[in-house]
């Protein structure tokens, strides 16, 4: 299940993949999902294993403790305004109710 409660089909699993992010070495299973424009999505089920974390969305900082070591991940700051596609906005909007033509004023 993903962020908005939708289910995605899983095309496979890659077991025990070693990953290094900003000096933090992690070994975990990765699920192959049909996502676009994302190299990697770290799920809530994995994030909750950290316990309390600090996230600063303005500074794009994520701090957590893993194996008694404190890590701080620094995200990339935006370089320019990012364009959004109309399709993405439509996906976020609730469905419009169908009104027959006879009910229009």
PDB file of N, CA and C in Angstrom:
ATOM      1  N   UNK A   1       0.851  -1.164   0.000  1.00  0.00           N
ATOM      2  CA  UNK A   1       0.000   0.000   0.000  1.00  0.00           C
ATOM      3  C   UNK A   1       0.908   1.242   0.000  1.00  0.00           C
ATOM      4  N   UNK A   2       0.532   2.241  -0.778  1.00  0.00           N
ATOM      5  CA  UNK A   2       1.332   3.460  -0.879  1.00  0.00           C
ATOM      6  C   UNK A   2       0.600   4.630  -0.224  1.00  0.00           C
ATOM      7  N   UNK A   3       1.266   5.784  -0.237  1.00  0.00           N
ATOM      8  CA  UNK A   3       0.845   6.972   0.490  1.00  0.00           C
ATOM      9  C   UNK A   3      -0.632   7.280   0.551  1.00  0.00           C
ATOM     10  N   UNK A   4      -1.337   7.233  -0.555  1.00  0.00           N
ATOM     11  CA  UNK A   4      -2.750   7.595  -0.556  1.00  0.00           C
ATOM     12  C   UNK A   4      -3.659   6.390  -0.361  1.00  0.00           C
ATOM     13  N   UNK A   5      -3.102   5.265   0.062  1.00  0.00           N
ATOM     14  CA  UNK A   5      -3.909   4.086   0.325  1.00  0.00           C
ATOM     15  C   UNK A   5      -4.113   3.180  -0.875  1.00  0.00           C
ATOM     16  N   UNK A   6      -3.499   3.510  -2.004  1.00  0.00           N
ATOM     17  CA  UNK A   6      -3.616   2.666  -3.194  1.00  0.00           C
ATOM     18  C   UNK A   6      -2.688   1.467  -3.071  1.00  0.00           C
ATOM     19  N   UNK A   7      -3.077   0.400  -3.705  1.00  0.00           N
ATOM     20  CA  UNK A   7      -2.240  -0.799  -3.751  1.00  0.00           C
ATOM     21  C   UNK A   7      -1.526  -0.858  -5.094  1.00  0.00           C
ATOM     22  N   UNK A   8      -0.249  -1.207  -5.062  1.00  0.00           N
ATOM     23  CA  UNK A   8       0.537  -1.385  -6.277  1.00  0.00           C
ATOM     24  C   UNK A   8       0.954  -2.836  -6.372  1.00  0.00           C
ATOM     25  N   UNK A   9       0.999  -3.335  -7.597  1.00  0.00           N
ATOM     26  CA  UNK A   9       1.494  -4.701  -7.772  1.00  0.00           C
ATOM     27  C   UNK A   9       3.009  -4.686  -7.614  1.00  0.00           C
ATOM     28  N   UNK A  10       3.521  -5.712  -7.000  1.00  0.00           N
ATOM     29  CA  UNK A  10       4.963  -5.848  -6.782  1.00  0.00           C
ATOM     30  C   UNK A  10       5.506  -6.787  -7.846  1.00  0.00           C
ATOM     31  N   UNK A  11       6.462  -6.276  -8.627  1.00  0.00           N
ATOM     32  CA  UNK A  11       7.031  -7.063  -9.721  1.00  0.00           C
ATOM     33  C   UNK A  11       8.135  -8.011  -9.264  1.00  0.00           C
ATOM     34  N   UNK A  12       8.541  -7.921  -8.008  1.00  0.00           N
ATOM     35  CA  UNK A  12       9.583  -8.794  -7.491  1.00  0.00           C
ATOM     36  C   UNK A  12      10.215  -8.197  -6.254  1.00  0.00           C
ATOM     37  N   UNK A  13      11.173  -8.920  -5.705  1.00  0.00           N
ATOM     38  CA  UNK A  13      11.874  -8.454  -4.515  1.00  0.00           C
ATOM     39  C   UNK A  13      13.364  -8.712  -4.691  1.00  0.00           C
ATOM     40  N   UNK A  14      14.165  -7.767  -4.261  1.00  0.00           N
ATOM     41  CA  UNK A  14      15.624  -7.918  -4.256  1.00  0.00           C
ATOM     42  C   UNK A  14      16.033  -8.048  -2.798  1.00  0.00           C
ATOM     43  N   UNK A  15      16.513  -9.191  -2.417  1.00  0.00           N
ATOM     44  CA  UNK A  15      16.811  -9.495  -1.013  1.00  0.00           C
ATOM     45  C   UNK A  15      18.209  -9.041  -0.619  1.00  0.00           C
ATOM     46  N   UNK A  16      18.300  -8.525   0.603  1.00  0.00           N
ATOM     47  CA  UNK A  16      19.575  -8.186   1.249  1.00  0.00           C
ATOM     48  C   UNK A  16      20.474  -7.315   0.363  1.00  0.00           C
ATOM     49  N   UNK A  17      19.919  -6.207  -0.100  1.00  0.00           N
ATOM     50  CA  UNK A  17      20.667  -5.249  -0.917  1.00  0.00           C
ATOM     51  C   UNK A  17      21.430  -4.310   0.016  1.00  0.00           C
ATOM     52  N   UNK A  18      22.710  -4.134  -0.238  1.00  0.00           N
ATOM     53  CA  UNK A  18      23.525  -3.200   0.543  1.00  0.00           C
ATOM     54  C   UNK A  18      23.418  -1.818  -0.087  1.00  0.00           C
ATOM     55  N   UNK A  19      23.160  -0.841   0.761  1.00  0.00           N
ATOM     56  CA  UNK A  19      22.949   0.521   0.305  1.00  0.00           C
ATOM     57  C   UNK A  19      23.702   1.471   1.227  1.00  0.00           C
ATOM     58  N   UNK A  20      24.343   2.468   0.658  1.00  0.00           N
ATOM     59  CA  UNK A  20      25.036   3.481   1.460  1.00  0.00           C
ATOM     60  C   UNK A  20      24.467   4.846   1.098  1.00  0.00           C
ATOM     61  N   UNK A  21      23.888   5.513   2.089  1.00  0.00           N
ATOM     62  CA  UNK A  21      23.322   6.851   1.904  1.00  0.00           C
ATOM     63  C   UNK A  21      24.010   7.788   2.882  1.00  0.00           C
ATOM     64  N   UNK A  22      24.785   8.712   2.374  1.00  0.00           N
ATOM     65  CA  UNK A  22      25.454   9.735   3.169  1.00  0.00           C
ATOM     66  C   UNK A  22      26.127   9.141   4.418  1.00  0.00           C
ATOM     67  N   UNK A  23      26.895   8.082   4.207  1.00  0.00           N
ATOM     68  CA  UNK A  23      27.671   7.478   5.286  1.00  0.00           C
ATOM     69  C   UNK A  23      26.932   6.462   6.131  1.00  0.00           C
ATOM     70  N   UNK A  24      25.686   6.225   5.838  1.00  0.00           N
ATOM     71  CA  UNK A  24      24.887   5.240   6.566  1.00  0.00           C
ATOM     72  C   UNK A  24      24.767   3.990   5.708  1.00  0.00           C
ATOM     73  N   UNK A  25      25.330   2.877   6.192  1.00  0.00           N
ATOM     74  CA  UNK A  25      25.285   1.619   5.457  1.00  0.00           C
ATOM     75  C   UNK A  25      24.105   0.789   5.937  1.00  0.00           C
ATOM     76  N   UNK A  26      23.285   0.377   4.984  1.00  0.00           N
ATOM     77  CA  UNK A  26      22.039  -0.325   5.286  1.00  0.00           C
ATOM     78  C   UNK A  26      21.963  -1.560   4.408  1.00  0.00           C
ATOM     79  N   UNK A  27      21.459  -2.649   4.963  1.00  0.00           N
ATOM     80  CA  UNK A  27      21.156  -3.848   4.179  1.00  0.00           C
ATOM     81  C   UNK A  27      19.686  -4.160   4.407  1.00  0.00           C
ATOM     82  N   UNK A  28      18.948  -4.204   3.312  1.00  0.00           N
ATOM     83  CA  UNK A  28      17.509  -4.427   3.439  1.00  0.00           C
ATOM     84  C   UNK A  28      16.953  -5.016   2.153  1.00  0.00           C
ATOM     85  N   UNK A  29      15.708  -5.478   2.220  1.00  0.00           N
ATOM     86  CA  UNK A  29      15.011  -5.976   1.044  1.00  0.00           C
ATOM     87  C   UNK A  29      14.352  -4.806   0.325  1.00  0.00           C
ATOM     88  N   UNK A  30      14.384  -4.844  -1.003  1.00  0.00           N
ATOM     89  CA  UNK A  30      13.729  -3.822  -1.823  1.00  0.00           C
ATOM     90  C   UNK A  30      12.675  -4.488  -2.689  1.00  0.00           C
ATOM     91  N   UNK A  31      11.528  -3.859  -2.756  1.00  0.00           N
ATOM     92  CA  UNK A  31      10.424  -4.356  -3.564  1.00  0.00           C
ATOM     93  C   UNK A  31      10.378  -3.554  -4.862  1.00  0.00           C
ATOM     94  N   UNK A  32      10.259  -4.255  -5.980  1.00  0.00           N
ATOM     95  CA  UNK A  32      10.235  -3.615  -7.294  1.00  0.00           C
ATOM     96  C   UNK A  32       8.787  -3.208  -7.577  1.00  0.00           C
ATOM     97  N   UNK A  33       8.584  -1.888  -7.669  1.00  0.00           N
ATOM     98  CA  UNK A  33       7.245  -1.341  -7.871  1.00  0.00           C
ATOM     99  C   UNK A  33       7.201  -0.515  -9.154  1.00  0.00           C
ATOM    100  N   UNK A  34       6.041  -0.430  -9.774  1.00  0.00           N
ATOM    101  CA  UNK A  34       5.912   0.350 -11.006  1.00  0.00           C
ATOM    102  C   UNK A  34       5.778   1.851 -10.706  1.00  0.00           C
ATOM    103  N   UNK A  35       6.860   2.462 -10.273  1.00  0.00           N
ATOM    104  CA  UNK A  35       6.863   3.887  -9.954  1.00  0.00           C
ATOM    105  C   UNK A  35       7.693   4.628 -10.997  1.00  0.00           C
ATOM    106  N   UNK A  36       7.317   5.847 -11.246  1.00  0.00           N
ATOM    107  CA  UNK A  36       8.035   6.671 -12.203  1.00  0.00           C
ATOM    108  C   UNK A  36       8.662   7.842 -11.467  1.00  0.00           C
ATOM    109  N   UNK A  37       9.818   8.279 -11.927  1.00  0.00           N
ATOM    110  CA  UNK A  37      10.515   9.447 -11.409  1.00  0.00           C
ATOM    111  C   UNK A  37      11.039   9.252  -9.986  1.00  0.00           C
ATOM    112  N   UNK A  38      11.154   8.007  -9.545  1.00  0.00           N
ATOM    113  CA  UNK A  38      11.737   7.720  -8.237  1.00  0.00           C
ATOM    114  C   UNK A  38      12.739   6.588  -8.378  1.00  0.00           C
ATOM    115  N   UNK A  39      13.922   6.796  -7.852  1.00  0.00           N
ATOM    116  CA  UNK A  39      14.915   5.726  -7.863  1.00  0.00           C
ATOM    117  C   UNK A  39      14.687   4.776  -6.698  1.00  0.00           C
ATOM    118  N   UNK A  40      14.241   5.350  -5.585  1.00  0.00           N
ATOM    119  CA  UNK A  40      14.100   4.572  -4.367  1.00  0.00           C
ATOM    120  C   UNK A  40      13.049   5.224  -3.486  1.00  0.00           C
ATOM    121  N   UNK A  41      12.194   4.411  -2.900  1.00  0.00           N
ATOM    122  CA  UNK A  41      11.214   4.903  -1.937  1.00  0.00           C
ATOM    123  C   UNK A  41      11.453   4.136  -0.643  1.00  0.00           C
ATOM    124  N   UNK A  42      11.676   4.884   0.418  1.00  0.00           N
ATOM    125  CA  UNK A  42      11.869   4.260   1.724  1.00  0.00           C
ATOM    126  C   UNK A  42      10.519   4.273   2.421  1.00  0.00           C
ATOM    127  N   UNK A  43      10.004   3.094   2.704  1.00  0.00           N
ATOM    128  CA  UNK A  43       8.657   2.970   3.247  1.00  0.00           C
ATOM    129  C   UNK A  43       8.565   3.200   4.738  1.00  0.00           C
ATOM    130  N   UNK A  44       7.351   3.473   5.165  1.00  0.00           N
ATOM    131  CA  UNK A  44       7.075   3.734   6.573  1.00  0.00           C
ATOM    132  C   UNK A  44       7.396   2.511   7.432  1.00  0.00           C
ATOM    133  N   UNK A  45       7.141   1.316   6.909  1.00  0.00           N
ATOM    134  CA  UNK A  45       7.420   0.105   7.701  1.00  0.00           C
ATOM    135  C   UNK A  45       8.895   0.014   8.066  1.00  0.00           C
ATOM    136  N   UNK A  46       9.771   0.504   7.203  1.00  0.00           N
ATOM    137  CA  UNK A  46      11.200   0.517   7.524  1.00  0.00           C
ATOM    138  C   UNK A  46      11.540   1.716   8.405  1.00  0.00           C
ATOM    139  N   UNK A  47      10.986   2.877   8.092  1.00  0.00           N
ATOM    140  CA  UNK A  47      11.280   4.079   8.874  1.00  0.00           C
ATOM    141  C   UNK A  47      10.847   3.934  10.331  1.00  0.00           C
ATOM    142  N   UNK A  48       9.758   3.230  10.575  1.00  0.00           N
ATOM    143  CA  UNK A  48       9.290   3.102  11.952  1.00  0.00           C
ATOM    144  C   UNK A  48      10.235   2.270  12.819  1.00  0.00           C
ATOM    145  N   UNK A  49      11.156   1.524  12.212  1.00  0.00           N
ATOM    146  CA  UNK A  49      12.127   0.767  13.007  1.00  0.00           C
ATOM    147  C   UNK A  49      13.135   1.682  13.699  1.00  0.00           C
ATOM    148  N   UNK A  50      13.236   2.953  13.263  1.00  0.00           N
ATOM    149  CA  UNK A  50      14.151   3.902  13.896  1.00  0.00           C
ATOM    150  C   UNK A  50      13.636   4.424  15.225  1.00  0.00           C
ATOM    151  N   UNK A  51      12.327   4.360  15.453  1.00  0.00           N
ATOM    152  CA  UNK A  51      11.757   5.034  16.611  1.00  0.00           C
ATOM    153  C   UNK A  51      11.648   6.518  16.293  1.00  0.00           C
ATOM    154  N   UNK A  52      11.834   7.381  17.296  1.00  0.00           N
ATOM    155  CA  UNK A  52      11.701   8.820  17.046  1.00  0.00           C
ATOM    156  C   UNK A  52      12.741   9.332  16.052  1.00  0.00           C
ATOM    157  N   UNK A  53      12.279  10.175  15.135  1.00  0.00           N
ATOM    158  CA  UNK A  53      13.152  10.815  14.151  1.00  0.00           C
ATOM    159  C   UNK A  53      12.853  12.308  14.148  1.00  0.00           C
ATOM    160  N   UNK A  54      13.781  13.079  13.587  1.00  0.00           N
ATOM    161  CA  UNK A  54      13.576  14.515  13.407  1.00  0.00           C
ATOM    162  C   UNK A  54      13.584  14.792  11.919  1.00  0.00           C
ATOM    163  N   UNK A  55      12.527  15.429  11.437  1.00  0.00           N
ATOM    164  CA  UNK A  55      12.432  15.778  10.029  1.00  0.00           C
ATOM    165  C   UNK A  55      12.155  17.270   9.925  1.00  0.00           C
ATOM    166  N   UNK A  56      12.989  17.972   9.175  1.00  0.00           N
ATOM    167  CA  UNK A  56      12.801  19.400   8.909  1.00  0.00           C
ATOM    168  C   UNK A  56      12.602  19.542   7.406  1.00  0.00           C
ATOM    169  N   UNK A  57      11.360  19.715   6.990  1.00  0.00           N
ATOM    170  CA  UNK A  57      11.055  19.766   5.569  1.00  0.00           C
ATOM    171  C   UNK A  57      11.570  21.040   4.910  1.00  0.00           C
ATOM    172  N   UNK A  58      11.639  22.144   5.653  1.00  0.00           N
ATOM    173  CA  UNK A  58      12.166  23.391   5.068  1.00  0.00           C
ATOM    174  C   UNK A  58      13.658  23.255   4.768  1.00  0.00           C
ATOM    175  N   UNK A  59      14.408  22.699   5.713  1.00  0.00           N
ATOM    176  CA  UNK A  59      15.851  22.531   5.529  1.00  0.00           C
ATOM    177  C   UNK A  59      16.192  21.233   4.803  1.00  0.00           C
ATOM    178  N   UNK A  60      15.186  20.393   4.610  1.00  0.00           N
ATOM    179  CA  UNK A  60      15.357  19.081   3.980  1.00  0.00           C
ATOM    180  C   UNK A  60      16.378  18.223   4.717  1.00  0.00           C
ATOM    181  N   UNK A  61      16.128  18.078   6.005  1.00  0.00           N
ATOM    182  CA  UNK A  61      17.003  17.299   6.876  1.00  0.00           C
ATOM    183  C   UNK A  61      16.191  16.191   7.529  1.00  0.00           C
ATOM    184  N   UNK A  62      16.795  15.013   7.618  1.00  0.00           N
ATOM    185  CA  UNK A  62      16.189  13.853   8.271  1.00  0.00           C
ATOM    186  C   UNK A  62      17.230  13.278   9.224  1.00  0.00           C
ATOM    187  N   UNK A  63      16.922  13.259  10.518  1.00  0.00           N
ATOM    188  CA  UNK A  63      17.870  12.758  11.530  1.00  0.00           C
ATOM    189  C   UNK A  63      17.273  11.542  12.226  1.00  0.00           C
ATOM    190  N   UNK A  64      18.123  10.547  12.444  1.00  0.00           N
ATOM    191  CA  UNK A  64      17.671   9.321  13.094  1.00  0.00           C
ATOM    192  C   UNK A  64      18.859   8.615  13.742  1.00  0.00           C
ATOM    193  N   UNK A  65      18.557   7.640  14.585  1.00  0.00           N
ATOM    194  CA  UNK A  65      19.580   6.827  15.236  1.00  0.00           C
ATOM    195  C   UNK A  65      19.437   5.393  14.758  1.00  0.00           C
ATOM    196  N   UNK A  66      20.562   4.806  14.352  1.00  0.00           N
ATOM    197  CA  UNK A  66      20.593   3.419  13.907  1.00  0.00           C
ATOM    198  C   UNK A  66      21.814   2.759  14.524  1.00  0.00           C
ATOM    199  N   UNK A  67      21.610   1.667  15.249  1.00  0.00           N
ATOM    200  CA  UNK A  67      22.700   0.955  15.926  1.00  0.00           C
ATOM    201  C   UNK A  67      23.518   1.899  16.810  1.00  0.00           C
ATOM    202  N   UNK A  68      22.823   2.711  17.596  1.00  0.00           N
ATOM    203  CA  UNK A  68      23.448   3.658  18.541  1.00  0.00           C
ATOM    204  C   UNK A  68      24.324   4.710  17.871  1.00  0.00           C
ATOM    205  N   UNK A  69      24.099   4.986  16.599  1.00  0.00           N
ATOM    206  CA  UNK A  69      24.844   6.018  15.894  1.00  0.00           C
ATOM    207  C   UNK A  69      23.844   7.001  15.296  1.00  0.00           C
ATOM    208  N   UNK A  70      24.084   8.291  15.522  1.00  0.00           N
ATOM    209  CA  UNK A  70      23.188   9.339  15.018  1.00  0.00           C
ATOM    210  C   UNK A  70      23.559   9.705  13.578  1.00  0.00           C
ATOM    211  N   UNK A  71      22.569   9.686  12.695  1.00  0.00           N
ATOM    212  CA  UNK A  71      22.771  10.042  11.297  1.00  0.00           C
ATOM    213  C   UNK A  71      21.924  11.254  10.947  1.00  0.00           C
ATOM    214  N   UNK A  72      22.453  12.076  10.064  1.00  0.00           N
ATOM    215  CA  UNK A  72      21.712  13.204   9.508  1.00  0.00           C
ATOM    216  C   UNK A  72      21.819  13.136   8.002  1.00  0.00           C
ATOM    217  N   UNK A  73      20.670  12.962   7.361  1.00  0.00           N
ATOM    218  CA  UNK A  73      20.635  12.981   5.907  1.00  0.00           C
ATOM    219  C   UNK A  73      20.202  14.361   5.462  1.00  0.00           C
ATOM    220  N   UNK A  74      20.949  14.933   4.551  1.00  0.00           N
ATOM    221  CA  UNK A  74      20.642  16.250   4.008  1.00  0.00           C
ATOM    222  C   UNK A  74      20.126  16.074   2.589  1.00  0.00           C
ATOM    223  N   UNK A  75      18.900  16.496   2.353  1.00  0.00           N
ATOM    224  CA  UNK A  75      18.314  16.411   1.018  1.00  0.00           C
ATOM    225  C   UNK A  75      18.809  17.534   0.127  1.00  0.00           C
ATOM    226  N   UNK A  76      18.645  17.346  -1.159  1.00  0.00           N
ATOM    227  CA  UNK A  76      19.007  18.382  -2.131  1.00  0.00           C
ATOM    228  C   UNK A  76      18.025  19.535  -2.022  1.00  0.00           C
ATOM    229  N   UNK A  77      18.546  20.746  -2.053  1.00  0.00           N
ATOM    230  CA  UNK A  77      17.688  21.915  -2.067  1.00  0.00           C
ATOM    231  C   UNK A  77      17.216  22.153  -3.498  1.00  0.00           C
ATOM    232  N   UNK A  78      15.999  22.673  -3.668  1.00  0.00           N
ATOM    233  CA  UNK A  78      15.512  22.886  -5.030  1.00  0.00           C
ATOM    234  C   UNK A  78      16.346  23.934  -5.747  1.00  0.00           C
ATOM    235  N   UNK A  79      16.576  23.691  -7.013  1.00  0.00           N
ATOM    236  CA  UNK A  79      17.357  24.637  -7.810  1.00  0.00           C
ATOM    237  C   UNK A  79      16.458  25.564  -8.607  1.00  0.00           C
ATOM    238  N   UNK A  80      15.218  25.168  -8.782  1.00  0.00           N
ATOM    239  CA  UNK A  80      14.294  25.959  -9.577  1.00  0.00           C
ATOM    240  C   UNK A  80      12.876  25.476  -9.272  1.00  0.00           C
ATOM    241  N   UNK A  81      11.911  26.200  -9.746  1.00  0.00           N
ATOM    242  CA  UNK A  81      10.526  25.774  -9.594  1.00  0.00           C
ATOM    243  C   UNK A  81      10.338  24.480 -10.372  1.00  0.00           C
ATOM    244  N   UNK A  82       9.701  23.527  -9.730  1.00  0.00           N
ATOM    245  CA  UNK A  82       9.464  22.258 -10.394  1.00  0.00           C
ATOM    246  C   UNK A  82       8.073  22.266 -11.012  1.00  0.00           C
ATOM    247  N   UNK A  83       7.994  21.850 -12.245  1.00  0.00           N
ATOM    248  CA  UNK A  83       6.726  21.817 -12.961  1.00  0.00           C
ATOM    249  C   UNK A  83       5.923  20.603 -12.539  1.00  0.00           C
ATOM    250  N   UNK A  84       4.626  20.768 -12.529  1.00  0.00           N
ATOM    251  CA  UNK A  84       3.734  19.662 -12.212  1.00  0.00           C
ATOM    252  C   UNK A  84       2.854  19.408 -13.431  1.00  0.00           C
ATOM    253  N   UNK A  85       2.530  18.160 -13.650  1.00  0.00           N
ATOM    254  CA  UNK A  85       1.685  17.805 -14.782  1.00  0.00           C
ATOM    255  C   UNK A  85       0.226  17.818 -14.345  1.00  0.00           C
ATOM    256  N   UNK A  86      -0.644  18.198 -15.252  1.00  0.00           N
ATOM    257  CA  UNK A  86      -2.073  18.227 -14.956  1.00  0.00           C
ATOM    258  C   UNK A  86      -2.560  16.869 -14.486  1.00  0.00           C
ATOM    259  N   UNK A  87      -2.029  15.801 -15.061  1.00  0.00           N
ATOM    260  CA  UNK A  87      -2.416  14.446 -14.653  1.00  0.00           C
ATOM    261  C   UNK A  87      -2.168  14.232 -13.156  1.00  0.00           C
ATOM    262  N   UNK A  88      -1.038  14.742 -12.641  1.00  0.00           N
ATOM    263  CA  UNK A  88      -0.716  14.589 -11.221  1.00  0.00           C
ATOM    264  C   UNK A  88      -1.725  15.318 -10.352  1.00  0.00           C
ATOM    265  N   UNK A  89      -2.147  16.495 -10.782  1.00  0.00           N
ATOM    266  CA  UNK A  89      -3.130  17.258 -10.002  1.00  0.00           C
ATOM    267  C   UNK A  89      -4.476  16.550 -10.024  1.00  0.00           C
ATOM    268  N   UNK A  90      -4.857  16.023 -11.186  1.00  0.00           N
ATOM    269  CA  UNK A  90      -6.131  15.299 -11.279  1.00  0.00           C
ATOM    270  C   UNK A  90      -6.143  14.081 -10.363  1.00  0.00           C
ATOM    271  N   UNK A  91      -5.016  13.411 -10.235  1.00  0.00           N
ATOM    272  CA  UNK A  91      -4.946  12.222  -9.374  1.00  0.00           C
ATOM    273  C   UNK A  91      -5.151  12.578  -7.910  1.00  0.00           C
ATOM    274  N   UNK A  92      -4.783  13.793  -7.518  1.00  0.00           N
ATOM    275  CA  UNK A  92      -4.919  14.207  -6.119  1.00  0.00           C
ATOM    276  C   UNK A  92      -6.330  14.697  -5.799  1.00  0.00           C
ATOM    277  N   UNK A  93      -7.087  15.117  -6.809  1.00  0.00           N
ATOM    278  CA  UNK A  93      -8.413  15.679  -6.591  1.00  0.00           C
ATOM    279  C   UNK A  93      -9.431  14.564  -6.386  1.00  0.00           C
ATOM    280  N   UNK A  94     -10.422  14.816  -5.527  1.00  0.00           N
ATOM    281  CA  UNK A  94     -11.474  13.808  -5.366  1.00  0.00           C
ATOM    282  C   UNK A  94     -12.310  13.741  -6.637  1.00  0.00           C
ATOM    283  N   UNK A  95     -12.928  12.602  -6.911  1.00  0.00           N
ATOM    284  CA  UNK A  95     -13.736  12.493  -8.126  1.00  0.00           C
ATOM    285  C   UNK A  95     -14.928  13.442  -8.070  1.00  0.00           C
ATOM    286  N   UNK A  96     -15.249  14.021  -9.209  1.00  0.00           N
ATOM    287  CA  UNK A  96     -16.383  14.934  -9.292  1.00  0.00           C
ATOM    288  C   UNK A  96     -17.664  14.114  -9.430  1.00  0.00           C
ATOM    289  N   UNK A  97     -18.740  14.520  -8.739  1.00  0.00           N
ATOM    290  CA  UNK A  97     -20.002  13.774  -8.883  1.00  0.00           C
ATOM    291  C   UNK A  97     -20.602  14.005 -10.269  1.00  0.00           C
ATOM    292  N   UNK A  98     -21.266  12.999 -10.761  1.00  0.00           N
ATOM    293  CA  UNK A  98     -21.911  13.102 -12.066  1.00  0.00           C
ATOM    294  C   UNK A  98     -23.262  13.791 -11.881  1.00  0.00           C
ATOM    295  N   UNK A  99     -23.491  14.866 -12.610  1.00  0.00           N
ATOM    296  CA  UNK A  99     -24.773  15.553 -12.574  1.00  0.00           C
ATOM    297  C   UNK A  99     -25.377  15.504 -13.976  1.00  0.00           C
ATOM    298  N   UNK A 100     -26.537  14.884 -14.111  1.00  0.00           N
ATOM    299  CA  UNK A 100     -27.177  14.852 -15.434  1.00  0.00           C
ATOM    300  C   UNK A 100     -27.457  16.267 -15.913  1.00  0.00           C
ATOM    301  N   UNK A 101     -27.479  16.431 -17.211  1.00  0.00           N
ATOM    302  CA  UNK A 101     -27.688  17.750 -17.817  1.00  0.00           C
ATOM    303  C   UNK A 101     -28.994  18.388 -17.327  1.00  0.00           C
ATOM    304  N   UNK A 102     -30.002  17.595 -17.060  1.00  0.00           N
ATOM    305  CA  UNK A 102     -31.305  18.119 -16.646  1.00  0.00           C
ATOM    306  C   UNK A 102     -31.253  18.807 -15.289  1.00  0.00           C
ATOM    307  N   UNK A 103     -30.200  18.575 -14.479  1.00  0.00           N
ATOM    308  CA  UNK A 103     -30.122  19.207 -13.156  1.00  0.00           C
ATOM    309  C   UNK A 103     -29.365  20.535 -13.197  1.00  0.00           C
ATOM    310  N   UNK A 104     -28.796  20.894 -14.338  1.00  0.00           N
ATOM    311  CA  UNK A 104     -28.071  22.157 -14.440  1.00  0.00           C
ATOM    312  C   UNK A 104     -29.078  23.316 -14.459  1.00  0.00           C
ATOM    313  N   UNK A 105     -28.722  24.429 -13.874  1.00  0.00           N
ATOM    314  CA  UNK A 105     -29.604  25.610 -13.921  1.00  0.00           C
ATOM    315  C   UNK A 105     -29.203  26.534 -15.025  1.00  0.00           C
TER     316      UNK A 105
END
